Amino acid sequence: MPAVEAKVFHIDSLREFSTRIFLHFGITKEDATQAADVLASADLRGIDSHGVARLYSYFGLLNEGLINPKPRIAAVRSTLSTATIDGDNGLGLVVGPQANRIVMDMADKAGSGWVSVCNTNHFGIAGYYVLQALERDMIGWAMTNSSSLVTPLWGAQRMLGTNPIAIAFPGKEEPPIVIDFATSAVAYGKLEIARRKIESIPLGWGIDRNGRDTTNPEDIIDGGCMLPLGSDRERGGQKGYCLGVMVDVLCAVLGGANWGPFAPPFALRQVIPTRSVGKGIGHFFGAMRIDGFIDPAEFKRQIDEYVRTFRASKPAPGTNGPLIPGDPERLAEADRRKNGVPLLMPVVEDLRAISKQTGIPFD
């Protein structure tokens, strides 16, 4: 198959372009800068599906008036350590960070904080939020549900989102342990990347509209389904399915958002559910003060030893040894800060199309 070309951009250029696009829709300077920072974090960490590649979808929803550019984000109920936040249909890249700050402020006062969010939309990479918790010396949690793309185990209909989970643990001298993964076999963005590259995908990622295994990303996008993490029963698919349900309940049922097949789509071309059981999609955030459990210095010392012990363990043949969660993203960030962010030409063309429609220069 023909290779799809890529073009390299400095992260500051991408961040500035994203900021200006959000400003174009009347989003405040503070919120536009925040939203662009979430996208830039994904591009830096090598999660190409969730960076500026997503800007075209945000642009479309804002252009159609389907996202509120100036939301009044508010708690609808709360205790000292819990709350439900209504995002007022604001940009998820703005609602998510604000809810995350609320949960960390709760943890400062009460030892831990837990917030479920409704009436919001796509919030970028879950890892962004737990990295913010690390900066405040906390253990952070972040989850979100999303539009239905994933079939339940032994099913053949879209019922769950890819529903990612993230959690991070700070070290002292070693890098933090940063866990961030979709509860589907793969993130949906990887299907989009394979589609743009005109590449086949591994068996176990999804099924076609007839419920048959496929290696063609078009089959999944065109009425098929993604599979849960583990794919099938023999490979532990029930575990991914259960994790997806857990995220759906914490993000949506608990906070009053749409769950399962009723979650609204992120892209205009996706089918809009005919029924609503809540408001928008939902997120769930948690933050924990380490000193509520153990001396923070001792915790970080143990995390350092944990990391070093795993790194020193026996490597598999032909590898450099075990990875620590967060290693690939950390290495990608170091490289991309120095050498720039490669964007596939279909993504570049999407950004050029946005530029043409708004008059905001790109490239």
Protein backbone atom coordinates (compact mmCIF):
# COMPACT_ATOMS: atom_id res chain seq x y z
CA MET A 1 0.00 0.00 0.00
CA PRO A 2 1.25 3.56 -0.67
CA ALA A 3 2.85 5.35 2.27
CA VAL A 4 1.04 8.40 3.58
CA GLU A 5 3.36 11.38 3.92
CA ALA A 6 3.75 13.41 7.09
CA LYS A 7 4.86 16.98 7.75
CA VAL A 8 6.61 18.15 10.91
CA PHE A 9 5.40 21.16 12.92
CA HIS A 10 6.71 22.87 16.04
CA ILE A 11 4.37 22.34 18.97
CA ASP A 12 4.13 26.08 19.62
CA SER A 13 2.76 26.64 16.11
CA LEU A 14 0.11 23.96 16.58
CA ARG A 15 -0.80 25.31 20.01
CA GLU A 16 -1.17 28.86 18.66
CA PHE A 17 -3.32 27.74 15.72
CA SER A 18 -5.63 25.75 18.02
CA THR A 19 -5.93 28.70 20.39
CA ARG A 20 -6.87 31.06 17.57
CA ILE A 21 -9.50 28.64 16.25
CA PHE A 22 -11.16 28.44 19.67
CA LEU A 23 -11.01 32.24 20.01
CA HIS A 24 -12.73 32.47 16.62
CA PHE A 25 -15.88 31.01 18.20
CA GLY A 26 -15.97 33.48 21.07
CA ILE A 27 -14.31 31.21 23.62
CA THR A 28 -12.44 33.31 26.20
CA LYS A 29 -8.68 33.69 25.95
CA GLU A 30 -8.18 31.70 29.16
CA ASP A 31 -10.40 28.84 28.02
CA ALA A 32 -9.01 28.82 24.47
CA THR A 33 -5.47 28.60 25.83
CA GLN A 34 -6.53 25.79 28.18
CA ALA A 35 -8.21 23.82 25.38
CA ALA A 36 -5.19 24.19 23.10
CA ASP A 37 -2.92 22.99 25.92
CA VAL A 38 -4.88 19.73 26.25
CA LEU A 39 -4.53 19.09 22.51
CA ALA A 40 -0.83 19.97 22.57
CA SER A 41 -0.27 17.53 25.42
CA ALA A 42 -1.63 14.69 23.27
CA ASP A 43 0.54 15.63 20.28
CA LEU A 44 3.65 15.89 22.43
CA ARG A 45 3.05 12.54 24.08
CA GLY A 46 2.64 10.75 20.76
CA ILE A 47 -1.13 10.23 21.09
CA ASP A 48 -1.70 11.58 17.60
CA SER A 49 -5.37 10.64 17.48
CA HIS A 50 -6.25 13.10 20.27
CA GLY A 51 -4.22 16.18 19.39
CA VAL A 52 -4.82 18.64 16.55
CA ALA A 53 -6.16 15.69 14.54
CA ARG A 54 -9.31 16.18 16.66
CA LEU A 55 -9.54 19.91 15.94
CA TYR A 56 -11.65 19.35 12.82
CA SER A 57 -14.35 17.64 14.91
CA TYR A 58 -14.36 20.41 17.53
CA PHE A 59 -14.50 22.97 14.72
CA GLY A 60 -17.49 21.24 13.14
CA LEU A 61 -19.44 21.03 16.40
CA LEU A 62 -18.71 24.64 17.32
CA ASN A 63 -19.56 25.78 13.81
CA GLU A 64 -22.93 24.01 14.00
CA GLY A 65 -23.68 25.51 17.40
CA LEU A 66 -23.61 22.10 19.09
CA ILE A 67 -21.07 23.16 21.75
CA ASN A 68 -21.59 26.14 24.08
CA PRO A 69 -18.50 28.41 23.75
CA LYS A 70 -19.22 30.24 27.02
CA PRO A 71 -20.55 27.66 29.50
CA ARG A 72 -21.54 28.33 33.09
CA ILE A 73 -19.94 25.34 34.74
CA ALA A 74 -21.53 24.66 38.14
CA ALA A 75 -21.92 22.05 40.87
CA VAL A 76 -25.47 20.70 41.08
CA ARG A 77 -24.79 18.88 44.35
CA SER A 78 -21.74 18.43 46.57
CA THR A 79 -20.23 17.34 49.88
CA LEU A 80 -16.77 18.11 51.25
CA SER A 81 -15.20 15.47 49.02
CA THR A 82 -17.74 14.73 46.24
CA ALA A 83 -19.67 16.65 43.64
CA THR A 84 -21.64 16.42 40.43
CA ILE A 85 -20.69 19.13 37.94
CA ASP A 86 -22.90 20.31 35.06
CA GLY A 87 -20.67 21.43 32.18
CA ASP A 88 -23.45 23.45 30.47
CA ASN A 89 -22.56 21.77 27.16
CA GLY A 90 -19.19 23.49 27.16
CA LEU A 91 -16.09 22.34 25.33
CA GLY A 92 -14.84 19.21 27.10
CA LEU A 93 -11.30 20.59 26.86
CA VAL A 94 -12.48 23.40 29.15
CA VAL A 95 -15.03 21.59 31.34
CA GLY A 96 -12.65 18.71 32.09
CA PRO A 97 -9.75 20.83 33.38
CA GLN A 98 -12.06 22.96 35.52
CA ALA A 99 -13.67 19.89 37.08
CA ASN A 100 -10.21 18.43 37.64
CA ARG A 101 -9.12 21.58 39.49
CA ILE A 102 -12.24 21.33 41.65
CA VAL A 103 -11.46 17.75 42.57
CA MET A 104 -7.85 18.60 43.50
CA ASP A 105 -9.01 21.54 45.63
CA MET A 106 -11.35 19.12 47.42
CA ALA A 107 -8.45 16.75 48.05
CA ASP A 108 -6.38 19.59 49.50
CA LYS A 109 -9.07 20.17 52.13
CA ALA A 110 -10.60 16.73 52.70
CA GLY A 111 -7.80 14.33 51.77
CA SER A 112 -9.50 13.13 48.61
CA GLY A 113 -11.97 14.42 46.06
CA TRP A 114 -14.31 12.74 43.59
CA VAL A 115 -16.33 14.45 40.88
CA SER A 116 -18.72 13.13 38.23
CA VAL A 117 -19.44 15.49 35.32
CA CYS A 118 -22.45 15.63 32.99
CA ASN A 119 -23.49 17.82 30.05
CA THR A 120 -20.04 17.85 28.47
CA ASN A 121 -18.22 16.33 25.49
CA HIS A 122 -14.83 14.95 24.39
CA PHE A 123 -12.15 16.01 26.90
CA GLY A 124 -8.94 15.00 25.11
CA ILE A 125 -6.53 12.47 26.59
CA ALA A 126 -7.34 11.17 30.06
CA GLY A 127 -3.62 11.26 30.84
CA TYR A 128 -3.61 15.06 30.75
CA TYR A 129 -5.65 15.25 33.93
CA VAL A 130 -3.59 12.87 36.00
CA LEU A 131 -0.42 14.72 34.98
CA GLN A 132 -1.99 17.85 36.48
CA ALA A 133 -2.52 15.96 39.73
CA LEU A 134 1.15 14.99 39.79
CA GLU A 135 2.07 18.66 39.70
CA ARG A 136 0.17 19.05 42.98
CA ASP A 137 1.82 15.96 44.49
CA MET A 138 -1.37 13.91 44.33
CA ILE A 139 -2.52 10.64 42.86
CA GLY A 140 -4.95 11.53 40.10
CA TRP A 141 -7.74 9.58 38.40
CA ALA A 142 -9.56 10.46 35.18
CA MET A 143 -12.19 8.65 33.11
CA THR A 144 -14.72 9.51 30.44
CA ASN A 145 -17.45 7.73 28.57
CA SER A 146 -18.00 8.38 24.88
CA SER A 147 -20.24 7.68 21.92
CA SER A 148 -21.00 3.99 21.42
CA LEU A 149 -18.52 2.17 19.21
CA VAL A 150 -17.77 -0.96 21.25
CA THR A 151 -19.79 -4.14 21.40
CA PRO A 152 -20.31 -6.04 24.67
CA LEU A 153 -18.66 -9.43 24.92
CA TRP A 154 -20.53 -11.86 22.59
CA GLY A 155 -22.47 -8.95 21.14
CA ALA A 156 -22.56 -7.47 17.65
CA GLN A 157 -24.01 -4.00 18.27
CA ARG A 158 -22.41 -0.74 19.40
CA MET A 159 -23.32 -0.30 23.08
CA LEU A 160 -20.32 1.25 24.87
CA GLY A 161 -17.72 3.91 24.19
CA THR A 162 -13.98 3.31 24.25
CA ASN A 163 -14.25 4.65 27.85
CA PRO A 164 -10.61 5.34 28.85
CA ILE A 165 -9.12 5.23 32.36
CA ALA A 166 -6.02 7.04 33.63
CA ILE A 167 -4.21 7.10 36.98
CA ALA A 168 -0.74 8.36 37.87
CA PHE A 169 1.68 7.86 40.79
CA PRO A 170 4.55 10.27 41.48
CA GLY A 171 8.12 9.15 42.02
CA LYS A 172 11.02 11.05 43.57
CA GLU A 173 14.00 10.53 41.25
CA GLU A 174 12.38 8.19 38.72
CA PRO A 175 9.67 9.34 36.29
CA PRO A 176 6.09 8.91 37.49
CA ILE A 177 4.05 5.83 36.67
CA VAL A 178 1.35 7.09 34.27
CA ILE A 179 -1.36 4.59 33.31
CA ASP A 180 -3.72 5.66 30.51
CA PHE A 181 -5.66 3.20 28.37
CA ALA A 182 -8.94 2.66 26.54
CA THR A 183 -11.18 -0.15 27.76
CA SER A 184 -11.68 -1.20 24.14
CA ALA A 185 -9.14 -3.36 22.32
CA VAL A 186 -7.71 -0.15 20.86
CA ALA A 187 -8.51 3.57 20.92
CA TYR A 188 -10.83 4.70 18.13
CA GLY A 189 -8.25 7.23 17.01
CA LYS A 190 -5.96 4.38 15.96
CA LEU A 191 -8.63 3.19 13.55
CA GLU A 192 -8.76 6.71 12.12
CA ILE A 193 -4.97 6.75 11.76
CA ALA A 194 -4.98 3.35 10.01
CA ARG A 195 -7.69 4.63 7.72
CA ARG A 196 -5.68 7.75 6.85
CA LYS A 197 -2.58 5.66 6.23
CA ILE A 198 -4.63 3.18 4.15
CA GLU A 199 -3.38 0.34 6.34
CA SER A 200 -4.96 -2.88 7.57
CA ILE A 201 -5.47 -3.47 11.29
CA PRO A 202 -4.79 -6.54 13.47
CA LEU A 203 -7.45 -9.16 14.06
CA GLY A 204 -9.13 -8.58 17.41
CA TRP A 205 -9.65 -4.84 17.02
CA GLY A 206 -13.15 -5.05 15.66
CA ILE A 207 -15.89 -6.71 13.65
CA ASP A 208 -17.84 -5.72 10.54
CA ARG A 209 -21.57 -4.94 10.38
CA ASN A 210 -22.31 -8.69 10.16
CA GLY A 211 -20.37 -9.51 13.33
CA ARG A 212 -17.39 -11.05 11.52
CA ASP A 213 -13.74 -10.38 12.36
CA THR A 214 -12.08 -7.88 10.05
CA THR A 215 -8.70 -6.32 9.32
CA ASN A 216 -10.18 -3.40 7.37
CA PRO A 217 -10.75 -0.25 9.47
CA GLU A 218 -13.45 0.84 6.98
CA ASP A 219 -15.53 -2.19 7.99
CA ILE A 220 -15.61 -1.03 11.60
CA ILE A 221 -16.28 2.60 10.77
CA ASP A 222 -18.99 1.62 8.27
CA GLY A 223 -21.44 0.04 10.69
CA GLY A 224 -19.16 -2.44 12.42
CA CYS A 225 -18.07 -2.47 16.08
CA MET A 226 -14.89 -2.22 18.06
CA LEU A 227 -14.18 -5.04 20.49
CA PRO A 228 -13.57 -4.68 24.24
CA LEU A 229 -10.05 -4.89 25.64
CA GLY A 230 -9.03 -8.53 25.31
CA SER A 231 -11.29 -8.98 22.27
CA ASP A 232 -12.90 -12.34 23.08
CA ARG A 233 -13.51 -14.62 26.07
CA GLU A 234 -10.37 -16.68 25.46
CA ARG A 235 -8.21 -13.54 25.63
CA GLY A 236 -10.01 -11.93 28.57
CA GLY A 237 -12.52 -9.80 26.68
CA GLN A 238 -14.91 -9.99 29.63
CA LYS A 239 -12.41 -7.92 31.65
CA GLY A 240 -12.31 -5.09 29.13
CA TYR A 241 -16.09 -5.21 28.86
CA CYS A 242 -16.48 -4.94 32.65
CA LEU A 243 -14.01 -2.05 32.84
CA GLY A 244 -15.97 -0.24 30.11
CA VAL A 245 -19.20 -0.69 32.08
CA MET A 246 -17.50 0.57 35.25
CA VAL A 247 -16.38 3.78 33.49
CA ASP A 248 -19.85 4.26 31.98
CA VAL A 249 -21.54 4.05 35.38
CA LEU A 250 -19.10 6.37 37.18
CA CYS A 251 -19.05 8.96 34.40
CA ALA A 252 -22.67 8.86 33.26
CA VAL A 253 -25.13 7.07 35.53
CA LEU A 254 -23.61 8.58 38.69
CA GLY A 255 -23.56 12.14 37.34
CA GLY A 256 -26.62 12.25 35.09
CA ALA A 257 -24.98 12.02 31.66
CA ASN A 258 -26.03 9.75 28.79
CA TRP A 259 -24.76 6.20 29.15
CA GLY A 260 -24.13 3.30 26.77
CA PRO A 261 -25.77 3.61 23.35
CA PHE A 262 -27.39 6.95 24.27
CA ALA A 263 -24.11 8.89 24.51
CA PRO A 264 -24.06 11.58 21.79
CA PRO A 265 -21.44 11.38 19.02
CA PHE A 266 -18.27 13.42 18.86
CA ALA A 267 -18.22 13.73 15.07
CA LEU A 268 -21.02 15.21 12.97
CA ARG A 269 -21.03 12.25 10.59
CA GLN A 270 -21.89 9.76 13.34
CA VAL A 271 -25.47 8.73 14.00
CA ILE A 272 -27.20 10.73 16.75
CA PRO A 273 -29.10 8.51 19.23
CA THR A 274 -32.89 8.81 18.99
CA ARG A 275 -33.27 8.82 22.77
CA SER A 276 -31.56 10.69 25.60
CA VAL A 277 -31.27 9.41 29.17
CA GLY A 278 -29.16 12.28 30.52
CA LYS A 279 -27.13 15.36 29.55
CA GLY A 280 -24.26 15.04 27.08
CA ILE A 281 -21.48 12.62 27.91
CA GLY A 282 -19.79 12.36 31.31
CA HIS A 283 -16.40 12.39 32.98
CA PHE A 284 -15.18 11.19 36.37
CA PHE A 285 -12.19 12.61 38.25
CA GLY A 286 -10.49 11.67 41.48
CA ALA A 287 -7.59 13.07 43.48
CA MET A 288 -5.94 11.65 46.60
CA ARG A 289 -3.47 13.28 48.96
CA ILE A 290 -0.67 10.82 49.59
CA ASP A 291 -0.14 11.98 53.16
CA GLY A 292 -3.58 10.66 54.03
CA PHE A 293 -2.15 7.17 53.63
CA ILE A 294 1.63 7.29 54.03
CA ASP A 295 4.49 9.77 54.33
CA PRO A 296 4.84 11.23 50.79
CA ALA A 297 8.63 10.93 50.78
CA GLU A 298 8.41 7.23 51.69
CA PHE A 299 5.76 6.67 49.00
CA LYS A 300 7.93 8.26 46.33
CA ARG A 301 10.98 6.30 47.50
CA GLN A 302 8.98 3.09 47.14
CA ILE A 303 7.76 4.11 43.67
CA ASP A 304 11.39 4.72 42.65
CA GLU A 305 12.32 1.26 43.90
CA TYR A 306 9.28 -0.23 42.18
CA VAL A 307 10.29 1.30 38.84
CA ARG A 308 13.95 0.25 39.18
CA THR A 309 13.01 -3.29 40.17
CA PHE A 310 10.78 -3.75 37.13
CA ARG A 311 13.33 -2.19 34.77
CA ALA A 312 15.98 -4.60 36.06
CA SER A 313 13.83 -7.69 35.51
CA LYS A 314 14.55 -10.23 32.75
CA PRO A 315 13.79 -8.90 29.25
CA ALA A 316 11.86 -10.83 26.63
CA PRO A 317 13.97 -11.99 23.66
CA GLY A 318 14.61 -9.22 21.15
CA THR A 319 13.48 -6.40 23.48
CA ASN A 320 15.14 -3.84 25.72
CA GLY A 321 13.22 -5.10 28.71
CA PRO A 322 9.96 -4.24 30.44
CA LEU A 323 8.38 -0.84 29.90
CA ILE A 324 7.08 1.22 32.79
CA PRO A 325 3.60 2.68 32.17
CA GLY A 326 4.15 6.13 30.70
CA ASP A 327 7.56 5.39 29.16
CA PRO A 328 6.50 5.59 25.48
CA GLU A 329 4.68 8.89 26.01
CA ARG A 330 7.54 10.40 28.03
CA LEU A 331 10.10 9.47 25.36
CA ALA A 332 7.83 10.77 22.60
CA GLU A 333 7.49 14.09 24.41
CA ALA A 334 11.24 14.52 24.76
CA ASP A 335 11.72 13.80 21.05
CA ARG A 336 8.86 15.99 19.83
CA ARG A 337 9.80 18.98 21.93
CA LYS A 338 13.18 18.86 20.22
CA ASN A 339 12.33 17.69 16.70
CA GLY A 340 8.70 18.69 16.19
CA VAL A 341 5.37 16.91 15.81
CA PRO A 342 4.77 14.85 12.63
CA LEU A 343 1.26 15.23 11.22
CA LEU A 344 -0.13 12.96 8.52
CA MET A 345 -1.03 14.88 5.38
CA PRO A 346 -4.78 14.11 5.72
CA VAL A 347 -4.63 15.86 9.13
CA VAL A 348 -2.70 18.75 7.60
CA GLU A 349 -5.36 19.06 4.91
CA ASP A 350 -8.09 19.15 7.56
CA LEU A 351 -6.27 21.99 9.31
CA ARG A 352 -5.80 23.82 6.03
CA ALA A 353 -9.55 23.48 5.41
CA ILE A 354 -10.24 25.04 8.83
CA SER A 355 -7.77 27.81 7.99
CA LYS A 356 -9.53 28.54 4.71
CA GLN A 357 -12.95 28.71 6.36
CA THR A 358 -11.84 30.97 9.21
CA GLY A 359 -9.11 33.04 7.57
CA ILE A 360 -6.70 32.05 10.36
CA PRO A 361 -3.29 31.27 8.81
CA PHE A 362 -1.86 27.77 9.03
CA ASP A 363 1.26 26.15 7.60
